[in-house]
């Protein structure tokens, strides 16, 4: 490869090195108070345990599918802890850490992947929208919601901002690029948070984008930032500033959290077919939990008693997740007709009655056989 074709590495906002050293950044102030840092560590560990239990439950046949967040905990926890209660989040299907921070119960996440619910939770109870399986469509949902916030006059220093999460593969979708354009021309108060985990299922970054993803924002007329996605401090500080930027009427921001998906794309994927063990090992050395633990030890902000207590809490959470998943009731067949329309709907009522008669015909056949 000639020198003229080598891409220059872009700036990466980082506050916490892989060795656990805190390095302040002049543009993204962050004061690592002991209580806050310990809470962040607890979040990271508990969310990783939730994820591991869900993968195991899928392998045991208790879930139909699971999309693991392994390796992406700092990007999710850091950005989610930057949100204010009034802010609205629009996830894809992997944002279990954001769901955790917004107060969504683990059992509600599992219910969706178990196939026993039509959605999983009330979006307005947690200001956390339902998971979106169609790649990239949540970016348009978020932009439309943000334009509504803008038109309702709900901005200002204590107003509402919107954030939407998506992966690097979603940046190849038309929906995402349309959302960028709509947000830019309308100056919408939305933060686009891309978790660039290097692999869009089995497609590497260089098959998705010739230029770094965050640089796309400039073409639409708004700021783009690349942050170390395994640095929970940087993810929190950068997202907090972008959200405030949106709240104050300064428009959208694209954050590219440069991270890595340590596990499979979903439990139906085999990543050994398209990536090497050396690549995984390289990213393992940047593990977000290990680097925050190193910081806590380096700064004397936590001892073995604290770490042991978090591990014990994680074990208890694992037991709770297993028990709650297996106790989830199967829905009644006619539940599929519930919560489709807000008001009574004649055609839906007709379909429900027809399906009820169909189900009843099987009951009659069983009775005749007996």
Protein backbone atom coordinates (compact mmCIF):
# COMPACT_ATOMS: atom_id res chain seq x y z
CA UNK A 1 0.00 0.00 0.00
CA UNK A 2 1.43 3.37 -0.96
CA UNK A 3 1.76 6.25 1.52
CA UNK A 4 -0.87 8.18 -0.42
CA UNK A 5 -3.52 5.55 0.36
CA UNK A 6 -2.82 5.27 4.10
CA UNK A 7 -5.52 6.92 6.19
CA UNK A 8 -4.39 9.21 8.97
CA UNK A 9 -5.82 8.08 12.29
CA UNK A 10 -8.36 10.59 13.62
CA UNK A 11 -8.34 12.12 17.07
CA UNK A 12 -9.84 9.86 19.72
CA UNK A 13 -11.24 11.55 22.83
CA UNK A 14 -9.93 9.60 25.79
CA UNK A 15 -9.92 10.42 29.50
CA UNK A 16 -9.00 7.01 30.92
CA UNK A 17 -6.13 5.08 29.38
CA UNK A 18 -6.21 1.27 29.05
CA UNK A 19 -3.84 1.18 32.04
CA UNK A 20 -6.34 3.05 34.20
CA UNK A 21 -4.67 6.47 34.23
CA UNK A 22 -6.99 9.49 34.24
CA UNK A 23 -5.94 12.18 31.74
CA UNK A 24 -8.19 15.30 31.74
CA UNK A 25 -9.29 16.77 28.41
CA UNK A 26 -9.70 20.55 28.15
CA UNK A 27 -12.84 20.35 26.02
CA UNK A 28 -14.65 17.65 27.99
CA UNK A 29 -14.46 18.35 31.72
CA UNK A 30 -15.10 15.43 34.04
CA UNK A 31 -14.50 15.23 37.77
CA UNK A 32 -14.17 11.56 38.79
CA UNK A 33 -15.82 11.72 42.22
CA UNK A 34 -15.33 8.49 44.17
CA UNK A 35 -19.01 7.64 44.60
CA UNK A 36 -19.79 8.25 40.93
CA UNK A 37 -16.86 6.15 39.70
CA UNK A 38 -17.79 3.28 42.00
CA UNK A 39 -21.36 3.45 40.71
CA UNK A 40 -20.11 3.34 37.13
CA UNK A 41 -18.00 0.28 37.92
CA UNK A 42 -21.00 -1.43 39.50
CA UNK A 43 -23.10 -0.65 36.41
CA UNK A 44 -20.48 -2.14 34.10
CA UNK A 45 -20.12 -5.36 36.09
CA UNK A 46 -23.83 -5.94 36.62
CA UNK A 47 -24.72 -5.29 32.98
CA UNK A 48 -22.01 -7.68 31.83
CA UNK A 49 -23.42 -10.33 34.16
CA UNK A 50 -26.94 -9.75 32.87
CA UNK A 51 -25.63 -10.18 29.34
CA UNK A 52 -23.74 -13.38 30.17
CA UNK A 53 -26.81 -14.90 31.82
CA UNK A 54 -28.95 -14.05 28.79
CA UNK A 55 -26.48 -15.74 26.44
CA UNK A 56 -26.52 -18.84 28.67
CA UNK A 57 -30.32 -18.83 28.79
CA UNK A 58 -30.48 -18.73 25.00
CA UNK A 59 -28.08 -21.68 24.78
CA UNK A 60 -30.38 -23.55 27.17
CA UNK A 61 -33.39 -22.92 24.96
CA UNK A 62 -35.01 -20.33 27.23
CA UNK A 63 -34.63 -17.43 24.76
CA UNK A 64 -35.12 -17.46 21.02
CA UNK A 65 -32.20 -15.07 20.43
CA UNK A 66 -29.92 -12.65 22.24
CA UNK A 67 -27.76 -9.77 20.97
CA UNK A 68 -24.77 -9.53 23.29
CA UNK A 69 -23.24 -6.23 24.40
CA UNK A 70 -19.98 -7.82 25.60
CA UNK A 71 -17.20 -5.25 25.19
CA UNK A 72 -19.55 -2.33 24.64
CA UNK A 73 -20.50 -1.73 28.28
CA UNK A 74 -18.59 1.55 28.69
CA UNK A 75 -20.11 3.12 25.58
CA UNK A 76 -23.61 2.31 26.81
CA UNK A 77 -23.24 3.01 30.52
CA UNK A 78 -21.22 6.18 30.01
CA UNK A 79 -23.61 7.70 27.49
CA UNK A 80 -26.73 6.62 29.39
CA UNK A 81 -25.51 8.11 32.67
CA UNK A 82 -25.18 11.43 30.84
CA UNK A 83 -28.94 11.49 30.20
CA UNK A 84 -31.32 13.58 32.27
CA UNK A 85 -34.67 12.05 33.36
CA UNK A 86 -36.62 14.10 30.80
CA UNK A 87 -34.42 13.01 27.88
CA UNK A 88 -35.68 10.36 25.44
CA UNK A 89 -33.60 7.44 24.14
CA UNK A 90 -34.24 5.45 20.97
CA UNK A 91 -32.25 2.17 20.99
CA UNK A 92 -31.55 -0.54 18.46
CA UNK A 93 -31.68 -4.08 19.93
CA UNK A 94 -28.37 -4.28 21.82
CA UNK A 95 -28.67 -1.39 24.29
CA UNK A 96 -29.13 -3.48 27.43
CA UNK A 97 -26.79 -1.17 29.34
CA UNK A 98 -28.82 1.90 28.41
CA UNK A 99 -32.01 0.05 29.36
CA UNK A 100 -30.43 -0.76 32.74
CA UNK A 101 -29.61 2.90 33.37
CA UNK A 102 -33.13 3.98 32.36
CA UNK A 103 -34.73 1.59 34.86
CA UNK A 104 -36.06 -1.06 32.46
CA UNK A 105 -36.29 -4.37 34.31
CA UNK A 106 -34.07 -7.19 32.99
CA UNK A 107 -37.10 -9.46 32.79
CA UNK A 108 -38.72 -7.06 30.34
CA UNK A 109 -35.69 -7.28 28.06
CA UNK A 110 -35.74 -11.08 28.30
CA UNK A 111 -39.47 -11.22 27.60
CA UNK A 112 -38.95 -9.70 24.17
CA UNK A 113 -36.22 -12.17 23.21
CA UNK A 114 -38.31 -15.01 24.66
CA UNK A 115 -41.17 -13.98 22.38
CA UNK A 116 -43.80 -13.56 25.09
CA UNK A 117 -44.50 -9.84 24.69
CA UNK A 118 -45.50 -7.48 21.91
CA UNK A 119 -42.98 -4.87 22.99
CA UNK A 120 -41.63 -5.28 26.47
CA UNK A 121 -42.18 -2.02 28.37
CA UNK A 122 -43.92 1.34 28.34
CA UNK A 123 -41.55 3.77 26.55
CA UNK A 124 -42.88 6.75 28.50
CA UNK A 125 -42.40 5.09 31.88
CA UNK A 126 -38.63 5.08 31.36
CA UNK A 127 -38.18 7.56 28.49
CA UNK A 128 -36.62 4.62 26.68
CA UNK A 129 -38.25 3.56 23.44
CA UNK A 130 -38.88 -0.05 22.45
CA UNK A 131 -36.08 -2.01 20.84
CA UNK A 132 -35.94 -1.56 17.08
CA UNK A 133 -35.02 -4.57 14.97
CA UNK A 134 -35.20 -2.85 11.56
CA UNK A 135 -31.66 -1.55 11.13
CA UNK A 136 -31.40 2.24 11.36
CA UNK A 137 -35.10 3.07 11.48
CA UNK A 138 -34.83 4.30 15.08
CA UNK A 139 -32.69 7.21 13.86
CA UNK A 140 -35.68 8.59 11.96
CA UNK A 141 -37.97 7.96 14.94
CA UNK A 142 -35.58 9.89 17.17
CA UNK A 143 -35.23 12.76 14.71
CA UNK A 144 -39.00 13.08 14.38
CA UNK A 145 -39.39 13.03 18.16
CA UNK A 146 -36.68 15.67 18.50
CA UNK A 147 -38.42 17.88 15.94
CA UNK A 148 -41.57 17.52 18.04
CA UNK A 149 -39.67 18.55 21.17
CA UNK A 150 -38.41 21.57 19.27
CA UNK A 151 -41.88 22.58 18.08
CA UNK A 152 -43.34 22.07 21.55
CA UNK A 153 -40.84 24.56 22.90
CA UNK A 154 -39.38 22.00 25.34
CA UNK A 155 -35.78 23.19 24.93
CA UNK A 156 -33.60 25.31 27.17
CA UNK A 157 -30.97 24.47 29.75
CA UNK A 158 -33.34 22.10 31.60
CA UNK A 159 -35.24 21.01 28.50
CA UNK A 160 -35.45 17.72 26.67
CA UNK A 161 -32.77 16.23 24.44
CA UNK A 162 -33.02 13.05 22.38
CA UNK A 163 -30.43 10.35 21.79
CA UNK A 164 -30.50 7.44 19.37
CA UNK A 165 -28.20 4.42 19.34
CA UNK A 166 -27.09 2.41 16.32
CA UNK A 167 -24.17 0.38 15.07
CA UNK A 168 -21.62 1.04 12.36
CA UNK A 169 -23.58 -1.12 9.91
CA UNK A 170 -26.62 1.13 10.28
CA UNK A 171 -24.65 4.03 8.81
CA UNK A 172 -24.94 2.26 5.44
CA UNK A 173 -28.73 2.39 5.65
CA UNK A 174 -30.65 5.13 3.89
CA UNK A 175 -32.79 5.76 6.98
CA UNK A 176 -29.76 6.82 9.01
CA UNK A 177 -28.49 9.23 6.37
CA UNK A 178 -31.98 10.68 5.91
CA UNK A 179 -32.14 11.19 9.68
CA UNK A 180 -28.81 13.03 9.60
CA UNK A 181 -30.14 15.33 6.89
CA UNK A 182 -33.52 16.01 8.54
CA UNK A 183 -31.86 16.66 11.89
CA UNK A 184 -29.34 19.04 10.34
CA UNK A 185 -31.72 21.17 8.29
CA UNK A 186 -34.19 21.36 11.18
CA UNK A 187 -31.50 21.92 13.83
CA UNK A 188 -33.16 19.12 15.82
CA UNK A 189 -32.05 18.47 19.43
CA UNK A 190 -30.81 14.93 18.82
CA UNK A 191 -27.54 13.09 19.53
CA UNK A 192 -26.65 10.29 17.13
CA UNK A 193 -24.63 7.75 19.12
CA UNK A 194 -22.93 5.21 16.87
CA UNK A 195 -21.33 2.25 18.61
CA UNK A 196 -18.70 1.35 16.05
CA UNK A 197 -17.97 -2.19 17.19
CA UNK A 198 -15.90 -2.86 14.05
CA UNK A 199 -18.17 -5.54 12.59
CA UNK A 200 -21.57 -5.06 10.95
CA UNK A 201 -22.46 -8.71 11.49
CA UNK A 202 -19.60 -10.17 9.37
CA UNK A 203 -18.66 -7.04 7.39
CA UNK A 204 -15.58 -5.15 8.64
CA UNK A 205 -15.36 -1.37 8.92
CA UNK A 206 -13.52 -0.89 5.65
CA UNK A 207 -16.46 -2.47 3.81
CA UNK A 208 -18.84 0.00 5.46
CA UNK A 209 -17.06 3.33 5.23
CA UNK A 210 -13.96 4.61 3.45
CA UNK A 211 -13.72 7.54 5.86
CA UNK A 212 -14.10 7.47 9.65
CA UNK A 213 -17.78 7.43 10.52
CA UNK A 214 -17.77 10.55 12.69
CA UNK A 215 -16.54 12.61 9.73
CA UNK A 216 -19.83 12.02 7.90
CA UNK A 217 -21.48 14.60 10.13
CA UNK A 218 -19.54 17.42 8.46
CA UNK A 219 -21.13 16.59 5.13
CA UNK A 220 -24.57 17.13 6.67
CA UNK A 221 -23.53 20.30 8.47
CA UNK A 222 -23.19 19.34 12.13
CA UNK A 223 -20.36 18.27 14.48
CA UNK A 224 -18.94 14.76 14.63
CA UNK A 225 -16.73 13.39 17.42
CA UNK A 226 -14.86 10.10 17.83
CA UNK A 227 -14.57 8.88 21.42
CA UNK A 228 -12.83 5.90 22.96
CA UNK A 229 -15.86 3.64 23.38
CA UNK A 230 -14.12 1.55 26.04
CA UNK A 231 -13.54 4.60 28.23
CA UNK A 232 -16.61 5.15 30.40
CA UNK A 233 -15.39 8.59 31.55
CA UNK A 234 -14.96 9.88 28.00
CA UNK A 235 -18.28 8.44 26.83
CA UNK A 236 -20.05 10.18 29.71
CA UNK A 237 -18.31 13.53 29.29
CA UNK A 238 -18.65 13.69 25.49
CA UNK A 239 -22.30 12.62 25.53
CA UNK A 240 -23.17 15.05 28.31
CA UNK A 241 -21.75 17.95 26.32
CA UNK A 242 -23.55 16.86 23.13
CA UNK A 243 -26.87 16.54 24.97
CA UNK A 244 -26.49 19.99 26.48
CA UNK A 245 -25.58 21.31 23.05
CA UNK A 246 -28.88 19.87 21.76
CA UNK A 247 -30.88 21.16 24.73
CA UNK A 248 -29.65 24.68 24.13
CA UNK A 249 -30.89 24.68 20.54
CA UNK A 250 -27.50 24.15 18.88
CA UNK A 251 -28.67 21.13 16.88
CA UNK A 252 -27.47 17.55 16.39
CA UNK A 253 -24.14 15.87 17.09
CA UNK A 254 -22.77 12.56 15.84
CA UNK A 255 -20.72 10.61 18.38
CA UNK A 256 -18.76 7.64 17.11
CA UNK A 257 -17.89 5.43 20.07
CA UNK A 258 -14.92 3.41 18.82
CA UNK A 259 -15.33 0.07 20.57
CA UNK A 260 -15.44 -3.67 19.84
CA UNK A 261 -18.03 -6.41 19.94
CA UNK A 262 -16.23 -9.16 21.89
CA UNK A 263 -18.99 -11.70 21.38
CA UNK A 264 -21.08 -12.81 18.44
CA UNK A 265 -23.40 -10.44 16.58
CA UNK A 266 -26.26 -12.49 18.02
CA UNK A 267 -26.43 -16.00 19.40
CA UNK A 268 -27.13 -17.26 15.86
CA UNK A 269 -23.76 -15.92 14.62
CA UNK A 270 -20.33 -17.61 14.55
CA UNK A 271 -17.68 -14.84 14.62
CA UNK A 272 -14.80 -17.33 14.24
CA UNK A 273 -15.72 -17.53 10.56
CA UNK A 274 -14.74 -13.93 9.84
CA UNK A 275 -12.31 -12.60 12.46
CA UNK A 276 -9.13 -13.75 14.14
CA UNK A 277 -8.34 -14.62 17.73
CA UNK A 278 -5.42 -12.15 17.59
CA UNK A 279 -7.85 -9.30 16.90
CA UNK A 280 -10.03 -10.30 19.83
CA UNK A 281 -7.00 -10.54 22.11
CA UNK A 282 -5.86 -7.06 21.08
CA UNK A 283 -9.22 -5.60 22.15
CA UNK A 284 -9.37 -7.72 25.29
CA UNK A 285 -6.42 -5.66 26.57
CA UNK A 286 -8.67 -2.57 26.27
CA UNK A 287 -11.48 -4.08 28.34
CA UNK A 288 -13.64 -1.29 29.81
CA UNK A 289 -14.17 -2.99 33.18
CA UNK A 290 -10.50 -3.86 33.68
CA UNK A 291 -9.38 -0.30 32.97
CA UNK A 292 -11.90 1.23 35.40
CA UNK A 293 -10.91 -1.28 38.07
CA UNK A 294 -7.27 -0.34 37.47
CA UNK A 295 -8.17 3.33 37.98
CA UNK A 296 -10.03 2.61 41.22
CA UNK A 297 -7.07 0.65 42.59
CA UNK A 298 -4.50 3.19 41.35
CA UNK A 299 -6.35 6.07 43.01
CA UNK A 300 -7.20 4.17 46.19
CA UNK A 301 -10.93 4.67 45.61
CA UNK A 302 -11.90 1.02 46.17
CA UNK A 303 -10.58 -2.01 48.00
CA UNK A 304 -11.11 -5.77 47.82
CA UNK A 305 -14.19 -5.47 49.98
CA UNK A 306 -15.85 -3.23 47.40
CA UNK A 307 -14.97 -5.48 44.47
CA UNK A 308 -16.12 -8.58 46.33
CA UNK A 309 -19.44 -6.91 47.17
CA UNK A 310 -20.03 -6.02 43.50
CA UNK A 311 -19.24 -9.59 42.44
CA UNK A 312 -21.67 -10.92 45.05
CA UNK A 313 -24.35 -8.54 43.77
CA UNK A 314 -23.65 -9.72 40.22
CA UNK A 315 -24.09 -13.34 41.29
CA UNK A 316 -27.39 -12.50 42.92
CA UNK A 317 -28.50 -10.67 39.76
CA UNK A 318 -27.63 -13.73 37.70
CA UNK A 319 -29.81 -15.92 39.88
CA UNK A 320 -32.64 -13.39 39.64
CA UNK A 321 -32.39 -13.19 35.86
CA UNK A 322 -32.51 -16.98 35.49
CA UNK A 323 -35.50 -17.34 37.80
CA UNK A 324 -37.47 -14.46 36.26
CA UNK A 325 -36.84 -15.63 32.71
CA UNK A 326 -38.08 -19.16 33.39
CA UNK A 327 -41.13 -17.81 35.23
CA UNK A 328 -42.29 -15.61 32.34
CA UNK A 329 -45.78 -16.78 31.36
CA UNK A 330 -46.60 -17.65 27.78
CA UNK A 331 -49.09 -15.18 26.30
CA UNK A 332 -52.61 -16.20 25.36
CA UNK A 333 -52.92 -16.59 21.56
CA UNK A 334 -55.46 -13.75 21.34
CA UNK A 335 -53.06 -11.33 23.05
CA UNK A 336 -51.56 -10.61 19.64
CA UNK A 337 -54.60 -8.42 18.94
CA UNK A 338 -54.07 -6.28 22.06
CA UNK A 339 -52.52 -2.79 21.93
CA UNK A 340 -52.57 -2.59 18.13
CA UNK A 341 -54.82 0.48 17.98
CA UNK A 342 -55.52 3.03 20.69
CA UNK A 343 -59.24 3.04 19.90
CA UNK A 344 -61.68 0.21 19.03
CA UNK A 345 -61.16 -0.98 15.48
CA UNK A 346 -63.86 -2.86 13.63
CA UNK A 347 -61.61 -4.75 11.20
CA UNK A 348 -59.29 -5.83 13.99
CA UNK A 349 -62.27 -6.99 16.05
CA UNK A 350 -63.44 -9.05 13.09
CA UNK A 351 -60.03 -10.68 12.71
CA UNK A 352 -59.88 -11.40 16.44
CA UNK A 353 -63.28 -13.08 16.40
CA UNK A 354 -62.32 -15.13 13.34
CA UNK A 355 -59.09 -16.30 14.99
CA UNK A 356 -60.95 -17.09 18.22
CA UNK A 357 -63.36 -19.32 16.25
CA UNK A 358 -60.38 -21.01 14.58
CA UNK A 359 -58.78 -21.77 17.96
CA UNK A 360 -62.10 -23.02 19.32
CA UNK A 361 -62.34 -25.50 16.45
CA UNK A 362 -59.29 -27.31 17.79
CA UNK A 363 -60.85 -27.56 21.24
CA UNK A 364 -63.90 -29.21 19.66
CA UNK A 365 -61.73 -31.68 17.78
CA UNK A 366 -59.98 -32.67 20.99
CA UNK A 367 -63.30 -33.19 22.68
CA UNK A 368 -64.60 -35.39 19.83
CA UNK A 369 -61.44 -37.48 19.90
CA UNK A 370 -61.95 -38.17 23.57
